Amino acid sequence: KALAELLPGFRFMEEHSLTEGMAVFAPIYKLLDKLPTVRNISNKIIV
């Protein structure tokens, strides 16, 4: 949402924390991904 505010004419759709990818090979991230603090500090893919 903060990124979209910088970019007139673009609409924020969704975002994905890289914890989603981490969970594929490090199962602990299936739990960590549920923690807002961890999700927020991770790199994101913003759509």
ModelCIF file with pLDDT and N, C-alpha, C, O atoms, coordinates in Angstrom:
data_MODEL
#
_entry.id   MODEL 
#
_entity.id                         1 
_entity.type                       polymer 
_entity.pdbx_number_of_molecules   1 
#
_entity_poly.entity_id                      1 
_entity_poly.type                           'polypeptide(L)' 
_entity_poly.nstd_linkage                   no 
_entity_poly.nstd_monomer                   no 
_entity_poly.pdbx_seq_one_letter_code       KALAELLPGFRFMEEHSLTEGMAVFAPIYKLLDKLPTVRNISNKIIV 
_entity_poly.pdbx_seq_one_letter_code_can   KALAELLPGFRFMEEHSLTEGMAVFAPIYKLLDKLPTVRNISNKIIV 
_entity_poly.pdbx_strand_id                 A 
#
loop_
_entity_poly_seq.entity_id 
_entity_poly_seq.num 
_entity_poly_seq.mon_id 
_entity_poly_seq.hetero 
1 1  LYS n 
1 2  ALA n 
1 3  LEU n 
1 4  ALA n 
1 5  GLU n 
1 6  LEU n 
1 7  LEU n 
1 8  PRO n 
1 9  GLY n 
1 10 PHE n 
1 11 ARG n 
1 12 PHE n 
1 13 MET n 
1 14 GLU n 
1 15 GLU n 
1 16 HIS n 
1 17 SER n 
1 18 LEU n 
1 19 THR n 
1 20 GLU n 
1 21 GLY n 
1 22 MET n 
1 23 ALA n 
1 24 VAL n 
1 25 PHE n 
1 26 ALA n 
1 27 PRO n 
1 28 ILE n 
1 29 TYR n 
1 30 LYS n 
1 31 LEU n 
1 32 LEU n 
1 33 ASP n 
1 34 LYS n 
1 35 LEU n 
1 36 PRO n 
1 37 THR n 
1 38 VAL n 
1 39 ARG n 
1 40 ASN n 
1 41 ILE n 
1 42 SER n 
1 43 ASN n 
1 44 LYS n 
1 45 ILE n 
1 46 ILE n 
1 47 VAL n 
#
_struct_asym.id          A 
_struct_asym.entity_id   1 
#
loop_
_ma_qa_metric.id 
_ma_qa_metric.mode 
_ma_qa_metric.name 
_ma_qa_metric.software_group_id 
_ma_qa_metric.type 
1 global pLDDT . pLDDT 
2 local  pLDDT . pLDDT 
#
_ma_qa_metric_global.metric_id      1 
_ma_qa_metric_global.metric_value   94.68 
_ma_qa_metric_global.model_id       1 
_ma_qa_metric_global.ordinal_id     1 
#
loop_
_ma_qa_metric_local.label_asym_id 
_ma_qa_metric_local.label_comp_id 
_ma_qa_metric_local.label_seq_id 
_ma_qa_metric_local.metric_id 
_ma_qa_metric_local.metric_value 
_ma_qa_metric_local.model_id 
_ma_qa_metric_local.ordinal_id 
A LYS 1  2 97.00 1 1  
A ALA 2  2 98.00 1 2  
A LEU 3  2 98.00 1 3  
A ALA 4  2 98.00 1 4  
A GLU 5  2 97.00 1 5  
A LEU 6  2 97.00 1 6  
A LEU 7  2 97.00 1 7  
A PRO 8  2 94.00 1 8  
A GLY 9  2 95.00 1 9  
A PHE 10 2 98.00 1 10 
A ARG 11 2 97.00 1 11 
A PHE 12 2 98.00 1 12 
A MET 13 2 98.00 1 13 
A GLU 14 2 98.00 1 14 
A GLU 15 2 97.00 1 15 
A HIS 16 2 97.00 1 16 
A SER 17 2 96.00 1 17 
A LEU 18 2 96.00 1 18 
A THR 19 2 95.00 1 19 
A GLU 20 2 96.00 1 20 
A GLY 21 2 97.00 1 21 
A MET 22 2 96.00 1 22 
A ALA 23 2 96.00 1 23 
A VAL 24 2 96.00 1 24 
A PHE 25 2 95.00 1 25 
A ALA 26 2 93.00 1 26 
A PRO 27 2 93.00 1 27 
A ILE 28 2 94.00 1 28 
A TYR 29 2 92.00 1 29 
A LYS 30 2 91.00 1 30 
A LEU 31 2 92.00 1 31 
A LEU 32 2 89.00 1 32 
A ASP 33 2 88.00 1 33 
A LYS 34 2 89.00 1 34 
A LEU 35 2 91.00 1 35 
A PRO 36 2 89.00 1 36 
A THR 37 2 90.00 1 37 
A VAL 38 2 91.00 1 38 
A ARG 39 2 89.00 1 39 
A ASN 40 2 89.00 1 40 
A ILE 41 2 92.00 1 41 
A SER 42 2 94.00 1 42 
A ASN 43 2 96.00 1 43 
A LYS 44 2 97.00 1 44 
A ILE 45 2 98.00 1 45 
A ILE 46 2 98.00 1 46 
A VAL 47 2 98.00 1 47 
#
loop_
_atom_site.group_PDB 
_atom_site.id 
_atom_site.type_symbol 
_atom_site.label_atom_id 
_atom_site.label_alt_id 
_atom_site.label_comp_id 
_atom_site.label_asym_id 
_atom_site.label_entity_id 
_atom_site.label_seq_id 
_atom_site.pdbx_PDB_ins_code 
_atom_site.Cartn_x 
_atom_site.Cartn_y 
_atom_site.Cartn_z 
_atom_site.occupancy 
_atom_site.B_iso_or_equiv 
_atom_site.pdbx_formal_charge 
_atom_site.auth_seq_id 
_atom_site.auth_comp_id 
_atom_site.auth_asym_id 
_atom_site.auth_atom_id 
_atom_site.pdbx_PDB_model_num 
ATOM 1   N N  . LYS A 1 1  ? 0.834  -1.205  0.000   1.00 97.00 ? 1  LYS A N  1 
ATOM 2   C CA . LYS A 1 1  ? 0.000  0.000   0.000   1.00 97.00 ? 1  LYS A CA 1 
ATOM 3   C C  . LYS A 1 1  ? 0.868  1.255   0.000   1.00 97.00 ? 1  LYS A C  1 
ATOM 4   O O  . LYS A 1 1  ? 0.554  2.236   -0.674  1.00 97.00 ? 1  LYS A O  1 
ATOM 5   N N  . ALA A 1 2  ? 1.961  1.216   0.760   1.00 98.00 ? 2  ALA A N  1 
ATOM 6   C CA . ALA A 1 2  ? 2.884  2.369   0.793   1.00 98.00 ? 2  ALA A CA 1 
ATOM 7   C C  . ALA A 1 2  ? 3.536  2.553   -0.578  1.00 98.00 ? 2  ALA A C  1 
ATOM 8   O O  . ALA A 1 2  ? 3.742  3.684   -1.020  1.00 98.00 ? 2  ALA A O  1 
ATOM 9   N N  . LEU A 1 3  ? 3.862  1.442   -1.253  1.00 98.00 ? 3  LEU A N  1 
ATOM 10  C CA . LEU A 1 3  ? 4.464  1.546   -2.588  1.00 98.00 ? 3  LEU A CA 1 
ATOM 11  C C  . LEU A 1 3  ? 3.476  2.152   -3.574  1.00 98.00 ? 3  LEU A C  1 
ATOM 12  O O  . LEU A 1 3  ? 3.839  3.037   -4.349  1.00 98.00 ? 3  LEU A O  1 
ATOM 13  N N  . ALA A 1 4  ? 2.236  1.689   -3.555  1.00 98.00 ? 4  ALA A N  1 
ATOM 14  C CA . ALA A 1 4  ? 1.228  2.211   -4.480  1.00 98.00 ? 4  ALA A CA 1 
ATOM 15  C C  . ALA A 1 4  ? 1.013  3.704   -4.300  1.00 98.00 ? 4  ALA A C  1 
ATOM 16  O O  . ALA A 1 4  ? 0.712  4.409   -5.264  1.00 98.00 ? 4  ALA A O  1 
ATOM 17  N N  . GLU A 1 5  ? 1.165  4.196   -3.068  1.00 97.00 ? 5  GLU A N  1 
ATOM 18  C CA . GLU A 1 5  ? 1.013  5.633   -2.818  1.00 97.00 ? 5  GLU A CA 1 
ATOM 19  C C  . GLU A 1 5  ? 2.073  6.464   -3.533  1.00 97.00 ? 5  GLU A C  1 
ATOM 20  O O  . GLU A 1 5  ? 1.856  7.640   -3.826  1.00 97.00 ? 5  GLU A O  1 
ATOM 21  N N  . LEU A 1 6  ? 3.226  5.844   -3.814  1.00 97.00 ? 6  LEU A N  1 
ATOM 22  C CA . LEU A 1 6  ? 4.302  6.533   -4.537  1.00 97.00 ? 6  LEU A CA 1 
ATOM 23  C C  . LEU A 1 6  ? 4.090  6.524   -6.044  1.00 97.00 ? 6  LEU A C  1 
ATOM 24  O O  . LEU A 1 6  ? 4.774  7.241   -6.774  1.00 97.00 ? 6  LEU A O  1 
ATOM 25  N N  . LEU A 1 7  ? 3.134  5.707   -6.516  1.00 97.00 ? 7  LEU A N  1 
ATOM 26  C CA . LEU A 1 7  ? 3.038  5.415   -7.945  1.00 97.00 ? 7  LEU A CA 1 
ATOM 27  C C  . LEU A 1 7  ? 1.649  5.736   -8.487  1.00 97.00 ? 7  LEU A C  1 
ATOM 28  O O  . LEU A 1 7  ? 0.786  4.859   -8.519  1.00 97.00 ? 7  LEU A O  1 
ATOM 29  N N  . PRO A 1 8  ? 1.416  6.978   -8.913  1.00 94.00 ? 8  PRO A N  1 
ATOM 30  C CA . PRO A 1 8  ? 0.116  7.359   -9.457  1.00 94.00 ? 8  PRO A CA 1 
ATOM 31  C C  . PRO A 1 8  ? -0.262 6.467   -10.645 1.00 94.00 ? 8  PRO A C  1 
ATOM 32  O O  . PRO A 1 8  ? 0.567  6.181   -11.509 1.00 94.00 ? 8  PRO A O  1 
ATOM 33  N N  . GLY A 1 9  ? -1.506 6.043   -10.672 1.00 95.00 ? 9  GLY A N  1 
ATOM 34  C CA . GLY A 1 9  ? -1.975 5.231   -11.799 1.00 95.00 ? 9  GLY A CA 1 
ATOM 35  C C  . GLY A 1 9  ? -1.796 3.740   -11.606 1.00 95.00 ? 9  GLY A C  1 
ATOM 36  O O  . GLY A 1 9  ? -2.163 2.954   -12.479 1.00 95.00 ? 9  GLY A O  1 
ATOM 37  N N  . PHE A 1 10 ? -1.230 3.337   -10.462 1.00 98.00 ? 10 PHE A N  1 
ATOM 38  C CA . PHE A 1 10 ? -1.050 1.910   -10.185 1.00 98.00 ? 10 PHE A CA 1 
ATOM 39  C C  . PHE A 1 10 ? -1.830 1.532   -8.934  1.00 98.00 ? 10 PHE A C  1 
ATOM 40  O O  . PHE A 1 10 ? -1.836 2.259   -7.941  1.00 98.00 ? 10 PHE A O  1 
ATOM 41  N N  . ARG A 1 11 ? -2.483 0.389   -9.003  1.00 97.00 ? 11 ARG A N  1 
ATOM 42  C CA . ARG A 1 11 ? -3.329 -0.074  -7.906  1.00 97.00 ? 11 ARG A CA 1 
ATOM 43  C C  . ARG A 1 11 ? -2.681 -1.267  -7.215  1.00 97.00 ? 11 ARG A C  1 
ATOM 44  O O  . ARG A 1 11 ? -2.229 -2.203  -7.875  1.00 97.00 ? 11 ARG A O  1 
ATOM 45  N N  . PHE A 1 12 ? -2.636 -1.230  -5.889  1.00 98.00 ? 12 PHE A N  1 
ATOM 46  C CA . PHE A 1 12 ? -2.123 -2.358  -5.110  1.00 98.00 ? 12 PHE A CA 1 
ATOM 47  C C  . PHE A 1 12 ? -3.147 -3.485  -5.121  1.00 98.00 ? 12 PHE A C  1 
ATOM 48  O O  . PHE A 1 12 ? -4.323 -3.271  -4.830  1.00 98.00 ? 12 PHE A O  1 
ATOM 49  N N  . MET A 1 13 ? -2.682 -4.704  -5.464  1.00 98.00 ? 13 MET A N  1 
ATOM 50  C CA . MET A 1 13 ? -3.572 -5.857  -5.531  1.00 98.00 ? 13 MET A CA 1 
ATOM 51  C C  . MET A 1 13 ? -3.366 -6.808  -4.347  1.00 98.00 ? 13 MET A C  1 
ATOM 52  O O  . MET A 1 13 ? -4.313 -7.148  -3.638  1.00 98.00 ? 13 MET A O  1 
ATOM 53  N N  . GLU A 1 14 ? -2.130 -7.227  -4.148  1.00 98.00 ? 14 GLU A N  1 
ATOM 54  C CA . GLU A 1 14 ? -1.813 -8.169  -3.069  1.00 98.00 ? 14 GLU A CA 1 
ATOM 55  C C  . GLU A 1 14 ? -0.310 -8.183  -2.877  1.00 98.00 ? 14 GLU A C  1 
ATOM 56  O O  . GLU A 1 14 ? 0.437  -7.616  -3.674  1.00 98.00 ? 14 GLU A O  1 
ATOM 57  N N  . GLU A 1 15 ? 0.129  -8.843  -1.804  1.00 97.00 ? 15 GLU A N  1 
ATOM 58  C CA . GLU A 1 15 ? 1.567  -9.001  -1.607  1.00 97.00 ? 15 GLU A CA 1 
ATOM 59  C C  . GLU A 1 15 ? 1.840  -10.371 -0.995  1.00 97.00 ? 15 GLU A C  1 
ATOM 60  O O  . GLU A 1 15 ? 1.000  -10.949 -0.305  1.00 97.00 ? 15 GLU A O  1 
ATOM 61  N N  . HIS A 1 16 ? 3.022  -10.857 -1.266  1.00 97.00 ? 16 HIS A N  1 
ATOM 62  C CA . HIS A 1 16 ? 3.440  -12.170 -0.792  1.00 97.00 ? 16 HIS A CA 1 
ATOM 63  C C  . HIS A 1 16 ? 4.791  -12.043 -0.108  1.00 97.00 ? 16 HIS A C  1 
ATOM 64  O O  . HIS A 1 16 ? 5.759  -11.576 -0.707  1.00 97.00 ? 16 HIS A O  1 
ATOM 65  N N  . SER A 1 17 ? 4.848  -12.460 1.147   1.00 96.00 ? 17 SER A N  1 
ATOM 66  C CA . SER A 1 17 ? 6.119  -12.472 1.863   1.00 96.00 ? 17 SER A CA 1 
ATOM 67  C C  . SER A 1 17 ? 6.969  -13.637 1.357   1.00 96.00 ? 17 SER A C  1 
ATOM 68  O O  . SER A 1 17 ? 6.437  -14.689 1.005   1.00 96.00 ? 17 SER A O  1 
ATOM 69  N N  . LEU A 1 18 ? 8.283  -13.448 1.322   1.00 96.00 ? 18 LEU A N  1 
ATOM 70  C CA . LEU A 1 18 ? 9.154  -14.553 0.906   1.00 96.00 ? 18 LEU A CA 1 
ATOM 71  C C  . LEU A 1 18 ? 9.150  -15.695 1.911   1.00 96.00 ? 18 LEU A C  1 
ATOM 72  O O  . LEU A 1 18 ? 9.684  -16.768 1.632   1.00 96.00 ? 18 LEU A O  1 
ATOM 73  N N  . THR A 1 19 ? 8.544  -15.471 3.089   1.00 95.00 ? 19 THR A N  1 
ATOM 74  C CA . THR A 1 19 ? 8.379  -16.584 4.032   1.00 95.00 ? 19 THR A CA 1 
ATOM 75  C C  . THR A 1 19 ? 7.544  -17.706 3.396   1.00 95.00 ? 19 THR A C  1 
ATOM 76  O O  . THR A 1 19 ? 7.684  -18.870 3.770   1.00 95.00 ? 19 THR A O  1 
ATOM 77  N N  . GLU A 1 20 ? 6.684  -17.357 2.443   1.00 96.00 ? 20 GLU A N  1 
ATOM 78  C CA . GLU A 1 20 ? 5.891  -18.374 1.740   1.00 96.00 ? 20 GLU A CA 1 
ATOM 79  C C  . GLU A 1 20 ? 6.799  -19.323 0.973   1.00 96.00 ? 20 GLU A C  1 
ATOM 80  O O  . GLU A 1 20 ? 6.560  -20.530 0.935   1.00 96.00 ? 20 GLU A O  1 
ATOM 81  N N  . GLY A 1 21 ? 7.837  -18.772 0.362   1.00 97.00 ? 21 GLY A N  1 
ATOM 82  C CA . GLY A 1 21 ? 8.809  -19.602 -0.343  1.00 97.00 ? 21 GLY A CA 1 
ATOM 83  C C  . GLY A 1 21 ? 9.710  -20.360 0.618   1.00 97.00 ? 21 GLY A C  1 
ATOM 84  O O  . GLY A 1 21 ? 10.046 -21.521 0.383   1.00 97.00 ? 21 GLY A O  1 
ATOM 85  N N  . MET A 1 22 ? 10.099 -19.697 1.703   1.00 96.00 ? 22 MET A N  1 
ATOM 86  C CA . MET A 1 22 ? 10.957 -20.343 2.704   1.00 96.00 ? 22 MET A CA 1 
ATOM 87  C C  . MET A 1 22 ? 10.298 -21.593 3.275   1.00 96.00 ? 22 MET A C  1 
ATOM 88  O O  . MET A 1 22 ? 10.973 -22.580 3.567   1.00 96.00 ? 22 MET A O  1 
ATOM 89  N N  . ALA A 1 23 ? 8.981  -21.547 3.434   1.00 96.00 ? 23 ALA A N  1 
ATOM 90  C CA . ALA A 1 23 ? 8.247  -22.670 4.030   1.00 96.00 ? 23 ALA A CA 1 
ATOM 91  C C  . ALA A 1 23 ? 8.358  -23.940 3.200   1.00 96.00 ? 23 ALA A C  1 
ATOM 92  O O  . ALA A 1 23 ? 8.171  -25.037 3.727   1.00 96.00 ? 23 ALA A O  1 
ATOM 93  N N  . VAL A 1 24 ? 8.658  -23.811 1.912   1.00 96.00 ? 24 VAL A N  1 
ATOM 94  C CA . VAL A 1 24 ? 8.770  -24.984 1.040   1.00 96.00 ? 24 VAL A CA 1 
ATOM 95  C C  . VAL A 1 24 ? 9.971  -25.851 1.430   1.00 96.00 ? 24 VAL A C  1 
ATOM 96  O O  . VAL A 1 24 ? 9.899  -27.078 1.360   1.00 96.00 ? 24 VAL A O  1 
ATOM 97  N N  . PHE A 1 25 ? 11.088 -25.208 1.846   1.00 95.00 ? 25 PHE A N  1 
ATOM 98  C CA . PHE A 1 25 ? 12.290 -25.987 2.168   1.00 95.00 ? 25 PHE A CA 1 
ATOM 99  C C  . PHE A 1 25 ? 12.716 -25.883 3.634   1.00 95.00 ? 25 PHE A C  1 
ATOM 100 O O  . PHE A 1 25 ? 13.639 -26.575 4.063   1.00 95.00 ? 25 PHE A O  1 
ATOM 101 N N  . ALA A 1 26 ? 12.047 -25.021 4.401   1.00 93.00 ? 26 ALA A N  1 
ATOM 102 C CA . ALA A 1 26 ? 12.321 -24.898 5.845   1.00 93.00 ? 26 ALA A CA 1 
ATOM 103 C C  . ALA A 1 26 ? 10.973 -24.885 6.562   1.00 93.00 ? 26 ALA A C  1 
ATOM 104 O O  . ALA A 1 26 ? 10.395 -23.819 6.770   1.00 93.00 ? 26 ALA A O  1 
ATOM 105 N N  . PRO A 1 27 ? 10.468 -26.059 6.941   1.00 93.00 ? 27 PRO A N  1 
ATOM 106 C CA . PRO A 1 27 ? 9.103  -26.175 7.474   1.00 93.00 ? 27 PRO A CA 1 
ATOM 107 C C  . PRO A 1 27 ? 8.774  -25.256 8.639   1.00 93.00 ? 27 PRO A C  1 
ATOM 108 O O  . PRO A 1 27 ? 7.603  -24.933 8.843   1.00 93.00 ? 27 PRO A O  1 
ATOM 109 N N  . ILE A 1 28 ? 9.768  -24.822 9.412   1.00 94.00 ? 28 ILE A N  1 
ATOM 110 C CA . ILE A 1 28 ? 9.507  -23.916 10.534  1.00 94.00 ? 28 ILE A CA 1 
ATOM 111 C C  . ILE A 1 28 ? 8.817  -22.638 10.052  1.00 94.00 ? 28 ILE A C  1 
ATOM 112 O O  . ILE A 1 28 ? 8.089  -22.001 10.813  1.00 94.00 ? 28 ILE A O  1 
ATOM 113 N N  . TYR A 1 29 ? 9.044  -22.261 8.789   1.00 92.00 ? 29 TYR A N  1 
ATOM 114 C CA . TYR A 1 29 ? 8.447  -21.041 8.255   1.00 92.00 ? 29 TYR A CA 1 
ATOM 115 C C  . TYR A 1 29 ? 6.945  -21.174 8.026   1.00 92.00 ? 29 TYR A C  1 
ATOM 116 O O  . TYR A 1 29 ? 6.258  -20.170 7.838   1.00 92.00 ? 29 TYR A O  1 
ATOM 117 N N  . LYS A 1 30 ? 6.427  -22.403 8.041   1.00 91.00 ? 30 LYS A N  1 
ATOM 118 C CA . LYS A 1 30 ? 4.974  -22.560 7.981   1.00 91.00 ? 30 LYS A CA 1 
ATOM 119 C C  . LYS A 1 30 ? 4.348  -21.948 9.229   1.00 91.00 ? 30 LYS A C  1 
ATOM 120 O O  . LYS A 1 30 ? 3.238  -21.418 9.184   1.00 91.00 ? 30 LYS A O  1 
ATOM 121 N N  . LEU A 1 31 ? 5.074  -22.028 10.343  1.00 92.00 ? 31 LEU A N  1 
ATOM 122 C CA . LEU A 1 31 ? 4.621  -21.387 11.583  1.00 92.00 ? 31 LEU A CA 1 
ATOM 123 C C  . LEU A 1 31 ? 5.000  -19.913 11.618  1.00 92.00 ? 31 LEU A C  1 
ATOM 124 O O  . LEU A 1 31 ? 4.183  -19.057 11.958  1.00 92.00 ? 31 LEU A O  1 
ATOM 125 N N  . LEU A 1 32 ? 6.268  -19.623 11.255  1.00 89.00 ? 32 LEU A N  1 
ATOM 126 C CA . LEU A 1 32 ? 6.743  -18.230 11.304  1.00 89.00 ? 32 LEU A CA 1 
ATOM 127 C C  . LEU A 1 32 ? 5.955  -17.329 10.361  1.00 89.00 ? 32 LEU A C  1 
ATOM 128 O O  . LEU A 1 32 ? 5.770  -16.143 10.632  1.00 89.00 ? 32 LEU A O  1 
ATOM 129 N N  . ASP A 1 33 ? 5.489  -17.906 9.244   1.00 88.00 ? 33 ASP A N  1 
ATOM 130 C CA . ASP A 1 33 ? 4.731  -17.137 8.257   1.00 88.00 ? 33 ASP A CA 1 
ATOM 131 C C  . ASP A 1 33 ? 3.428  -16.592 8.850   1.00 88.00 ? 33 ASP A C  1 
ATOM 132 O O  . ASP A 1 33 ? 2.862  -15.627 8.336   1.00 88.00 ? 33 ASP A O  1 
ATOM 133 N N  . LYS A 1 34 ? 2.965  -17.208 9.918   1.00 89.00 ? 34 LYS A N  1 
ATOM 134 C CA . LYS A 1 34 ? 1.728  -16.755 10.560  1.00 89.00 ? 34 LYS A CA 1 
ATOM 135 C C  . LYS A 1 34 ? 1.956  -15.566 11.500  1.00 89.00 ? 34 LYS A C  1 
ATOM 136 O O  . LYS A 1 34 ? 1.005  -14.943 11.972  1.00 89.00 ? 34 LYS A O  1 
ATOM 137 N N  . LEU A 1 35 ? 3.225  -15.265 11.761  1.00 91.00 ? 35 LEU A N  1 
ATOM 138 C CA . LEU A 1 35 ? 3.554  -14.156 12.666  1.00 91.00 ? 35 LEU A CA 1 
ATOM 139 C C  . LEU A 1 35 ? 3.709  -12.864 11.861  1.00 91.00 ? 35 LEU A C  1 
ATOM 140 O O  . LEU A 1 35 ? 4.596  -12.781 11.011  1.00 91.00 ? 35 LEU A O  1 
ATOM 141 N N  . PRO A 1 36 ? 2.871  -11.860 12.108  1.00 89.00 ? 36 PRO A N  1 
ATOM 142 C CA . PRO A 1 36 ? 2.946  -10.611 11.340  1.00 89.00 ? 36 PRO A CA 1 
ATOM 143 C C  . PRO A 1 36 ? 4.337  -9.981  11.348  1.00 89.00 ? 36 PRO A C  1 
ATOM 144 O O  . PRO A 1 36 ? 4.776  -9.442  10.332  1.00 89.00 ? 36 PRO A O  1 
ATOM 145 N N  . THR A 1 37 ? 5.036  -10.044 12.485  1.00 90.00 ? 37 THR A N  1 
ATOM 146 C CA . THR A 1 37 ? 6.369  -9.433  12.579  1.00 90.00 ? 37 THR A CA 1 
ATOM 147 C C  . THR A 1 37 ? 7.335  -10.063 11.586  1.00 90.00 ? 37 THR A C  1 
ATOM 148 O O  . THR A 1 37 ? 8.103  -9.362  10.927  1.00 90.00 ? 37 THR A O  1 
ATOM 149 N N  . VAL A 1 38 ? 7.295  -11.380 11.482  1.00 91.00 ? 38 VAL A N  1 
ATOM 150 C CA . VAL A 1 38 ? 8.197  -12.091 10.567  1.00 91.00 ? 38 VAL A CA 1 
ATOM 151 C C  . VAL A 1 38 ? 7.820  -11.788 9.121   1.00 91.00 ? 38 VAL A C  1 
ATOM 152 O O  . VAL A 1 38 ? 8.685  -11.489 8.298   1.00 91.00 ? 38 VAL A O  1 
ATOM 153 N N  . ARG A 1 39 ? 6.522  -11.866 8.814   1.00 89.00 ? 39 ARG A N  1 
ATOM 154 C CA . ARG A 1 39 ? 6.059  -11.573 7.444   1.00 89.00 ? 39 ARG A CA 1 
ATOM 155 C C  . ARG A 1 39 ? 6.435  -10.146 7.039   1.00 89.00 ? 39 ARG A C  1 
ATOM 156 O O  . ARG A 1 39 ? 6.858  -9.907  5.908   1.00 89.00 ? 39 ARG A O  1 
ATOM 157 N N  . ASN A 1 40 ? 6.279  -9.209  7.962   1.00 89.00 ? 40 ASN A N  1 
ATOM 158 C CA . ASN A 1 40 ? 6.513  -7.806  7.637   1.00 89.00 ? 40 ASN A CA 1 
ATOM 159 C C  . ASN A 1 40 ? 7.977  -7.504  7.357   1.00 89.00 ? 40 ASN A C  1 
ATOM 160 O O  . ASN A 1 40 ? 8.293  -6.659  6.519   1.00 89.00 ? 40 ASN A O  1 
ATOM 161 N N  . ILE A 1 41 ? 8.868  -8.191  8.057   1.00 92.00 ? 41 ILE A N  1 
ATOM 162 C CA . ILE A 1 41 ? 10.290 -7.864  7.914   1.00 92.00 ? 41 ILE A CA 1 
ATOM 163 C C  . ILE A 1 41 ? 10.928 -8.582  6.713   1.00 92.00 ? 41 ILE A C  1 
ATOM 164 O O  . ILE A 1 41 ? 12.001 -8.202  6.245   1.00 92.00 ? 41 ILE A O  1 
ATOM 165 N N  . SER A 1 42 ? 10.256 -9.606  6.237   1.00 94.00 ? 42 SER A N  1 
ATOM 166 C CA . SER A 1 42 ? 10.761 -10.353 5.078   1.00 94.00 ? 42 SER A CA 1 
ATOM 167 C C  . SER A 1 42 ? 10.600 -9.522  3.797   1.00 94.00 ? 42 SER A C  1 
ATOM 168 O O  . SER A 1 42 ? 9.729  -8.657  3.711   1.00 94.00 ? 42 SER A O  1 
ATOM 169 N N  . ASN A 1 43 ? 11.457 -9.802  2.805   1.00 96.00 ? 43 ASN A N  1 
ATOM 170 C CA . ASN A 1 43 ? 11.223 -9.233  1.477   1.00 96.00 ? 43 ASN A CA 1 
ATOM 171 C C  . ASN A 1 43 ? 9.838  -9.631  0.995   1.00 96.00 ? 43 ASN A C  1 
ATOM 172 O O  . ASN A 1 43 ? 9.306  -10.671 1.384   1.00 96.00 ? 43 ASN A O  1 
ATOM 173 N N  . LYS A 1 44 ? 9.258  -8.788  0.139   1.00 97.00 ? 44 LYS A N  1 
ATOM 174 C CA . LYS A 1 44 ? 7.926  -9.064  -0.377  1.00 97.00 ? 44 LYS A CA 1 
ATOM 175 C C  . LYS A 1 44 ? 7.915  -9.052  -1.905  1.00 97.00 ? 44 LYS A C  1 
ATOM 176 O O  . LYS A 1 44 ? 8.721  -8.372  -2.542  1.00 97.00 ? 44 LYS A O  1 
ATOM 177 N N  . ILE A 1 45 ? 7.002  -9.804  -2.468  1.00 98.00 ? 45 ILE A N  1 
ATOM 178 C CA . ILE A 1 45 ? 6.637  -9.647  -3.874  1.00 98.00 ? 45 ILE A CA 1 
ATOM 179 C C  . ILE A 1 45 ? 5.305  -8.932  -3.876  1.00 98.00 ? 45 ILE A C  1 
ATOM 180 O O  . ILE A 1 45 ? 4.285  -9.481  -3.460  1.00 98.00 ? 45 ILE A O  1 
ATOM 181 N N  . ILE A 1 46 ? 5.327  -7.706  -4.348  1.00 98.00 ? 46 ILE A N  1 
ATOM 182 C CA . ILE A 1 46 ? 4.111  -6.879  -4.380  1.00 98.00 ? 46 ILE A CA 1 
ATOM 183 C C  . ILE A 1 46 ? 3.507  -6.936  -5.779  1.00 98.00 ? 46 ILE A C  1 
ATOM 184 O O  . ILE A 1 46 ? 4.201  -6.782  -6.785  1.00 98.00 ? 46 ILE A O  1 
ATOM 185 N N  . VAL A 1 47 ? 2.197  -7.161  -5.813  1.00 98.00 ? 47 VAL A N  1 
ATOM 186 C CA . VAL A 1 47 ? 1.473  -7.236  -7.096  1.00 98.00 ? 47 VAL A CA 1 
ATOM 187 C C  . VAL A 1 47 ? 0.711  -5.932  -7.282  1.00 98.00 ? 47 VAL A C  1 
ATOM 188 O O  . VAL A 1 47 ? 0.025  -5.756  -8.289  1.00 98.00 ? 47 VAL A O  1 
#
